[in-house]
Structure formats: structure tokens, C-alpha cells
Amino acid sequence: MESIVQEFLKKDSPFDQVYHIQELQSAFEQANIVVNTLPHTEQTKHILNDKTLSYCGNALLFNVGRGSAVEEDGLLNALDSESITHAFLDVFDLEPLKADHIYWSHDSITVTPHIAASSFPHQVIEQFVENYSRWRDGFSLQNVIDLDKGY
């Protein structure tokens, strides 16, 4: 069954390889760039930590998912050991990031202002109007967060 899934993913995916979350070591050992888009769940909290980031070899890290995925000390250790050569961080475990936080002054970290998924006012209004109409008319809402799942 797994080979059928892998074949399907290869045909319909822009990626050369697709890995299961249990295969982080294999994936990270080959990665030049790691892009985190994971949601905040019990399974993803601090998934990018000292151990998992040590599997990388001179990779770039982009965190645009949830800040809770990155364990701070693990990232700093990965930067010191150069398993991660630079981190681009758009989200953080605790927000807003304090003015004296080490990320602001670290040479191998670029802090971005939580703009990985920018929304424009007209998009927010369109979504609100659509969902209000659906709610008023008794239909299910679009883009609803499932708080039990964490996303």
C-alpha cells in the first residue's frame, strides 16, 4: 500500500521526494532548505529541536507555520553548529517577540513581521461577508478553525 501512495504522490506532486513526519532524519539529512508550515498540535510542538535540527547539514530554515514548532535552544544550538546556516522566522513561540530577545541581534537569524501570509483588507471583508451570509442562511462556514485539531 505504501508504495502505491508514494507512486501517486510522485505523479501528482511538484516534489522529488515526499516524507512522512516519522522520516524527519532522512528528509533533513538531504535538505538544503527546510520550510515549516505545520500547525500547532501536540505532535508538532517543538518538533524542530536540538535533535531534529542536528540532522540538517548547512540548511536554511524558514518558519512560517506556527512558532511553537521551533524549540528556541535547539535552533540556537543548530545555528552554532551550522547544521542550520540561517533561520528566517516569521512566527514565534511567544508573540510579540520581546525587544531584548536574542533573535533580534543574532547574525544568523532574520526576523520578519508576521507577514508570510499577508491578508489585504478587501480579502478579509469578502471572507466575512461570505461567512456571515452562510451563517445567516444556515449553511456551514468556510475556513473554520478546528480548535481540537489546532488548525
Protein backbone atom coordinates (compact mmCIF):
# COMPACT_ATOMS: atom_id res chain seq x y z
CA MET A 1 0.00 0.00 0.00
CA GLU A 2 2.76 2.45 0.93
CA SER A 3 4.44 2.06 -2.48
CA ILE A 4 1.12 2.88 -4.17
CA VAL A 5 0.84 6.06 -2.09
CA GLN A 6 4.44 7.04 -2.88
CA GLU A 7 3.87 6.47 -6.60
CA PHE A 8 0.70 8.56 -6.52
CA LEU A 9 2.47 11.39 -4.69
CA LYS A 10 5.36 11.35 -7.15
CA LYS A 11 3.00 11.67 -10.12
CA ASP A 12 0.87 14.47 -8.68
CA SER A 13 3.50 16.34 -6.71
CA PRO A 14 5.98 19.04 -7.67
CA PHE A 15 8.40 17.42 -5.20
CA ASP A 16 11.04 14.82 -5.99
CA GLN A 17 10.61 13.16 -2.60
CA VAL A 18 7.79 13.10 -0.07
CA TYR A 19 8.47 12.01 3.52
CA HIS A 20 6.30 11.02 6.42
CA ILE A 21 6.79 13.02 9.62
CA GLN A 22 8.42 9.92 11.14
CA GLU A 23 11.15 10.22 8.46
CA LEU A 24 12.47 13.62 9.53
CA GLN A 25 16.04 12.37 9.88
CA SER A 26 16.15 11.07 6.30
CA ALA A 27 14.48 14.18 4.95
CA PHE A 28 16.62 16.65 6.90
CA GLU A 29 19.88 14.86 6.04
CA GLN A 30 19.14 15.63 2.39
CA ALA A 31 17.63 19.09 2.83
CA ASN A 32 19.21 22.34 1.75
CA ILE A 33 16.11 24.28 2.76
CA VAL A 34 13.56 23.45 5.47
CA VAL A 35 10.25 25.29 5.32
CA ASN A 36 7.95 24.77 8.29
CA THR A 37 4.25 25.28 7.62
CA LEU A 38 2.99 22.91 10.31
CA PRO A 39 0.03 23.80 12.53
CA HIS A 40 0.21 23.95 16.33
CA THR A 41 -0.65 20.48 17.63
CA GLU A 42 0.68 18.21 20.37
CA GLN A 43 2.58 16.28 17.68
CA THR A 44 4.26 19.36 16.22
CA LYS A 45 5.16 21.30 19.39
CA HIS A 46 8.95 21.78 19.36
CA ILE A 47 9.35 19.31 16.52
CA LEU A 48 12.23 21.46 15.27
CA ASN A 49 14.57 20.97 18.20
CA ASP A 50 18.18 20.19 19.04
CA LYS A 51 17.91 16.58 17.86
CA THR A 52 15.91 17.04 14.65
CA LEU A 53 17.77 20.15 13.51
CA SER A 54 21.10 18.36 14.06
CA TYR A 55 20.17 16.10 11.12
CA CYS A 56 20.50 19.07 8.78
CA GLY A 57 23.78 19.94 7.16
CA ASN A 58 24.11 23.64 6.35
CA ALA A 59 20.42 24.12 5.63
CA LEU A 60 18.32 27.26 5.63
CA LEU A 61 15.25 27.26 7.87
CA PHE A 62 12.07 29.19 7.16
CA ASN A 63 9.41 29.12 9.88
CA VAL A 64 6.09 30.40 8.55
CA GLY A 65 3.82 27.84 10.23
CA ARG A 66 3.46 28.11 13.97
CA GLY A 67 6.08 29.40 16.35
CA SER A 68 5.53 26.51 18.71
CA ALA A 69 7.15 24.14 16.20
CA VAL A 70 10.60 25.63 16.89
CA GLU A 71 12.30 24.96 20.19
CA GLU A 72 14.43 28.06 20.84
CA ASP A 73 17.51 26.47 22.41
CA GLY A 74 17.54 23.78 19.73
CA LEU A 75 17.53 26.40 16.99
CA LEU A 76 20.32 28.38 18.63
CA ASN A 77 22.40 25.20 19.01
CA ALA A 78 21.74 24.31 15.36
CA LEU A 79 22.93 27.77 14.31
CA ASP A 80 26.05 27.47 16.49
CA SER A 81 26.90 24.08 14.99
CA GLU A 82 25.95 25.32 11.49
CA SER A 83 23.55 22.47 10.83
CA ILE A 84 21.26 25.44 10.16
CA THR A 85 23.19 28.25 8.49
CA HIS A 86 20.44 30.85 8.65
CA ALA A 87 16.89 30.99 10.01
CA PHE A 88 14.13 33.21 8.65
CA LEU A 89 11.49 33.46 11.36
CA ASP A 90 8.04 34.91 10.82
CA VAL A 91 6.37 33.37 13.88
CA PHE A 92 7.48 32.66 17.44
CA ASP A 93 6.56 30.52 20.41
CA LEU A 94 5.75 33.68 22.38
CA GLU A 95 4.49 36.70 20.50
CA PRO A 96 5.19 39.51 20.31
CA LEU A 97 8.90 38.86 20.46
CA LYS A 98 10.41 40.85 23.33
CA ALA A 99 12.62 43.81 22.41
CA ASP A 100 15.68 42.24 24.08
CA HIS A 101 15.19 38.76 22.57
CA ILE A 102 18.38 37.23 21.12
CA TYR A 103 16.72 36.67 17.75
CA TRP A 104 16.79 40.42 17.03
CA SER A 105 20.59 40.63 17.25
CA HIS A 106 21.63 37.16 16.08
CA ASP A 107 23.68 37.35 12.87
CA SER A 108 22.19 34.12 11.51
CA ILE A 109 18.54 34.99 12.11
CA THR A 110 16.27 37.22 10.08
CA VAL A 111 13.07 38.22 11.85
CA THR A 112 10.14 39.08 9.61
CA PRO A 113 6.99 40.89 10.83
CA HIS A 114 4.50 38.01 10.73
CA ILE A 115 3.79 38.58 7.04
CA ALA A 116 4.27 35.13 5.50
CA ALA A 117 0.58 35.00 4.67
CA SER A 118 -0.44 38.57 4.18
CA SER A 119 -4.11 39.42 4.04
CA PHE A 120 -5.46 42.51 2.42
CA PRO A 121 -8.46 44.33 3.92
CA HIS A 122 -10.70 43.58 0.93
CA GLN A 123 -9.95 39.83 1.29
CA VAL A 124 -10.85 39.86 4.98
CA ILE A 125 -14.08 41.74 4.27
CA GLU A 126 -15.01 39.38 1.42
CA GLN A 127 -14.47 36.35 3.68
CA PHE A 128 -16.50 37.94 6.48
CA VAL A 129 -19.39 38.84 4.17
CA GLU A 130 -19.41 35.34 2.65
CA ASN A 131 -19.39 33.63 6.05
CA TYR A 132 -21.97 36.00 7.51
CA SER A 133 -24.31 35.20 4.61
CA ARG A 134 -23.70 31.46 5.06
CA TRP A 135 -24.31 31.70 8.83
CA ARG A 136 -27.49 33.78 8.36
CA ASP A 137 -28.84 31.31 5.80
CA GLY A 138 -28.00 28.23 7.88
CA PHE A 139 -25.07 26.95 5.81
CA SER A 140 -21.67 25.82 7.10
CA LEU A 141 -18.90 28.40 7.27
CA GLN A 142 -15.77 28.37 5.17
CA ASN A 143 -12.20 28.29 6.55
CA VAL A 144 -13.22 27.37 10.08
CA ILE A 145 -10.53 26.58 12.63
CA ASP A 146 -10.94 23.29 14.47
CA LEU A 147 -9.67 24.13 17.95
CA ASP A 148 -9.46 20.44 18.87
CA LYS A 149 -7.08 19.77 15.96
CA GLY A 150 -5.17 23.03 16.43
CA TYR A 151 -5.66 24.35 12.90
